[in-house]
Amino acid sequence: MKIDDSLKKPSGLATGQLDPKAAKSSESSKASSTPVEKVTFSSMSSQLQALETKVAAADSFEVKKVEAIKSAILDGQFTINSDKVADGLISTVKELLATQKT
């Protein structure tokens, strides 16, 4: 079983500061250039942003299942199915090899 935390990582447009030199040159070019065009976003963009926030806040795993496994390990009742582990490892290696070929 793979745990993918990519949902917790922020995505979307960068929000970093511009380079001061680039900002000055763009300010000076604005004064002598043609009128600035206005950019508007559709309502879909706000829906996507809300969905992104909701997904980022959601758990990427089942907390109850993890607690049950922890409890079973502590009680000494957790058994490992070596065939299932081996099948999972083989499957993962096959996926990795397939992605390297493309």
C-alpha atoms as a PDB file:
ATOM      1  CA  MET A   1       0.000   0.000   0.000  1.00  0.00           C
ATOM      2  CA  LYS A   2       1.404   3.337  -1.004  1.00  0.00           C
ATOM      3  CA  ILE A   3       0.822   6.479   0.997  1.00  0.00           C
ATOM      4  CA  ASP A   4       0.663   9.505  -1.249  1.00  0.00           C
ATOM      5  CA  ASP A   5       0.831  12.884   0.466  1.00  0.00           C
ATOM      6  CA  SER A   6       0.690  14.839  -2.769  1.00  0.00           C
ATOM      7  CA  LEU A   7      -2.795  16.040  -1.807  1.00  0.00           C
ATOM      8  CA  LYS A   8      -1.303  17.945   1.116  1.00  0.00           C
ATOM      9  CA  LYS A   9       1.100  19.847  -1.109  1.00  0.00           C
ATOM     10  CA  PRO A  10      -0.072  23.223  -2.370  1.00  0.00           C
ATOM     11  CA  SER A  11      -0.595  23.523  -6.069  1.00  0.00           C
ATOM     12  CA  GLY A  12      -1.629  26.262  -8.391  1.00  0.00           C
ATOM     13  CA  LEU A  13       0.013  29.530  -9.259  1.00  0.00           C
ATOM     14  CA  ALA A  14       3.159  30.717  -7.546  1.00  0.00           C
ATOM     15  CA  THR A  15       2.650  33.477  -5.028  1.00  0.00           C
ATOM     16  CA  GLY A  16       6.274  34.558  -4.591  1.00  0.00           C
ATOM     17  CA  GLN A  17       7.554  38.107  -4.914  1.00  0.00           C
ATOM     18  CA  LEU A  18       8.816  39.431  -8.214  1.00  0.00           C
ATOM     19  CA  ASP A  19      12.423  40.304  -8.736  1.00  0.00           C
ATOM     20  CA  PRO A  20      12.777  44.043  -7.864  1.00  0.00           C
ATOM     21  CA  LYS A  21      14.687  44.717 -11.114  1.00  0.00           C
ATOM     22  CA  ALA A  22      11.944  43.053 -13.135  1.00  0.00           C
ATOM     23  CA  ALA A  23       9.269  45.022 -11.258  1.00  0.00           C
ATOM     24  CA  LYS A  24      11.036  48.340 -11.979  1.00  0.00           C
ATOM     25  CA  SER A  25      11.445  47.537 -15.657  1.00  0.00           C
ATOM     26  CA  SER A  26       7.782  46.527 -15.945  1.00  0.00           C
ATOM     27  CA  GLU A  27       6.707  49.747 -14.184  1.00  0.00           C
ATOM     28  CA  SER A  28       8.730  51.877 -16.585  1.00  0.00           C
ATOM     29  CA  SER A  29       7.418  49.968 -19.597  1.00  0.00           C
ATOM     30  CA  LYS A  30       3.803  50.423 -18.418  1.00  0.00           C
ATOM     31  CA  ALA A  31       4.069  54.170 -18.672  1.00  0.00           C
ATOM     32  CA  SER A  32       5.126  54.091 -22.307  1.00  0.00           C
ATOM     33  CA  SER A  33       3.213  51.017 -23.508  1.00  0.00           C
ATOM     34  CA  THR A  34      -0.312  50.417 -24.735  1.00  0.00           C
ATOM     35  CA  PRO A  35      -3.236  50.168 -22.293  1.00  0.00           C
ATOM     36  CA  VAL A  36      -3.152  47.244 -19.862  1.00  0.00           C
ATOM     37  CA  GLU A  37      -5.560  44.401 -20.541  1.00  0.00           C
ATOM     38  CA  LYS A  38      -7.832  43.194 -17.749  1.00  0.00           C
ATOM     39  CA  VAL A  39      -7.873  39.473 -16.927  1.00  0.00           C
ATOM     40  CA  THR A  40     -10.967  37.892 -15.409  1.00  0.00           C
ATOM     41  CA  PHE A  41     -11.523  34.363 -14.175  1.00  0.00           C
ATOM     42  CA  SER A  42     -14.675  32.342 -14.568  1.00  0.00           C
ATOM     43  CA  SER A  43     -16.689  31.103 -11.609  1.00  0.00           C
ATOM     44  CA  MET A  44     -15.070  27.710 -12.224  1.00  0.00           C
ATOM     45  CA  SER A  45     -11.752  29.039 -10.925  1.00  0.00           C
ATOM     46  CA  SER A  46     -13.252  29.873  -7.520  1.00  0.00           C
ATOM     47  CA  GLN A  47     -14.927  26.446  -7.428  1.00  0.00           C
ATOM     48  CA  LEU A  48     -11.597  24.769  -8.193  1.00  0.00           C
ATOM     49  CA  GLN A  49      -9.868  26.805  -5.515  1.00  0.00           C
ATOM     50  CA  ALA A  50     -12.522  25.826  -2.945  1.00  0.00           C
ATOM     51  CA  LEU A  51     -12.183  22.173  -3.947  1.00  0.00           C
ATOM     52  CA  GLU A  52      -8.398  22.364  -3.632  1.00  0.00           C
ATOM     53  CA  THR A  53      -8.746  23.753  -0.098  1.00  0.00           C
ATOM     54  CA  LYS A  54     -11.235  21.024   0.829  1.00  0.00           C
ATOM     55  CA  VAL A  55      -8.987  18.244  -0.512  1.00  0.00           C
ATOM     56  CA  ALA A  56      -5.917  19.665   1.253  1.00  0.00           C
ATOM     57  CA  ALA A  57      -7.787  19.660   4.571  1.00  0.00           C
ATOM     58  CA  ALA A  58      -9.029  16.068   4.194  1.00  0.00           C
ATOM     59  CA  ASP A  59      -7.187  13.100   5.659  1.00  0.00           C
ATOM     60  CA  SER A  60      -5.313  11.063   3.061  1.00  0.00           C
ATOM     61  CA  PHE A  61      -5.713   7.863   5.104  1.00  0.00           C
ATOM     62  CA  GLU A  62      -8.267   6.216   7.367  1.00  0.00           C
ATOM     63  CA  VAL A  63      -7.443   7.220  10.934  1.00  0.00           C
ATOM     64  CA  LYS A  64      -9.584   4.449  12.474  1.00  0.00           C
ATOM     65  CA  LYS A  65      -7.851   1.785  10.380  1.00  0.00           C
ATOM     66  CA  VAL A  66      -4.408   3.045  11.395  1.00  0.00           C
ATOM     67  CA  GLU A  67      -5.407   3.064  15.076  1.00  0.00           C
ATOM     68  CA  ALA A  68      -6.725  -0.521  14.768  1.00  0.00           C
ATOM     69  CA  ILE A  69      -3.434  -1.652  13.230  1.00  0.00           C
ATOM     70  CA  LYS A  70      -1.436   0.136  15.954  1.00  0.00           C
ATOM     71  CA  SER A  71      -3.538  -1.546  18.621  1.00  0.00           C
ATOM     72  CA  ALA A  72      -3.101  -4.985  17.021  1.00  0.00           C
ATOM     73  CA  ILE A  73       0.680  -4.496  16.871  1.00  0.00           C
ATOM     74  CA  LEU A  74       0.829  -3.446  20.535  1.00  0.00           C
ATOM     75  CA  ASP A  75      -1.306  -6.436  21.571  1.00  0.00           C
ATOM     76  CA  GLY A  76       0.844  -8.819  19.521  1.00  0.00           C
ATOM     77  CA  GLN A  77      -2.146  -9.835  17.404  1.00  0.00           C
ATOM     78  CA  PHE A  78      -1.017  -8.307  14.106  1.00  0.00           C
ATOM     79  CA  THR A  79      -0.048 -10.904  11.525  1.00  0.00           C
ATOM     80  CA  ILE A  80       1.847 -10.168   8.355  1.00  0.00           C
ATOM     81  CA  ASN A  81       0.810 -11.886   5.143  1.00  0.00           C
ATOM     82  CA  SER A  82       4.176 -12.305   3.426  1.00  0.00           C
ATOM     83  CA  ASP A  83       2.553 -13.317   0.115  1.00  0.00           C
ATOM     84  CA  LYS A  84       0.583 -10.069   0.021  1.00  0.00           C
ATOM     85  CA  VAL A  85       3.685  -8.027   0.881  1.00  0.00           C
ATOM     86  CA  ALA A  86       5.703  -9.768  -1.838  1.00  0.00           C
ATOM     87  CA  ASP A  87       2.928  -9.242  -4.406  1.00  0.00           C
ATOM     88  CA  GLY A  88       2.789  -5.560  -3.489  1.00  0.00           C
ATOM     89  CA  LEU A  89       6.549  -5.162  -3.862  1.00  0.00           C
ATOM     90  CA  ILE A  90       6.545  -6.912  -7.239  1.00  0.00           C
ATOM     91  CA  SER A  91       3.653  -4.747  -8.418  1.00  0.00           C
ATOM     92  CA  THR A  92       5.452  -1.573  -7.343  1.00  0.00           C
ATOM     93  CA  VAL A  93       8.664  -2.611  -9.120  1.00  0.00           C
ATOM     94  CA  LYS A  94       6.706  -3.369 -12.298  1.00  0.00           C
ATOM     95  CA  GLU A  95       5.074   0.079 -12.151  1.00  0.00           C
ATOM     96  CA  LEU A  96       8.450   1.755 -11.659  1.00  0.00           C
ATOM     97  CA  LEU A  97       9.997  -0.141 -14.555  1.00  0.00           C
ATOM     98  CA  ALA A  98       7.052   0.699 -16.807  1.00  0.00           C
ATOM     99  CA  THR A  99       7.357   4.420 -16.052  1.00  0.00           C
ATOM    100  CA  GLN A 100      11.108   4.382 -16.761  1.00  0.00           C
ATOM    101  CA  LYS A 101      10.584   2.894 -20.228  1.00  0.00           C
ATOM    102  CA  THR A 102       8.329   5.727 -21.367  1.00  0.00           C
END
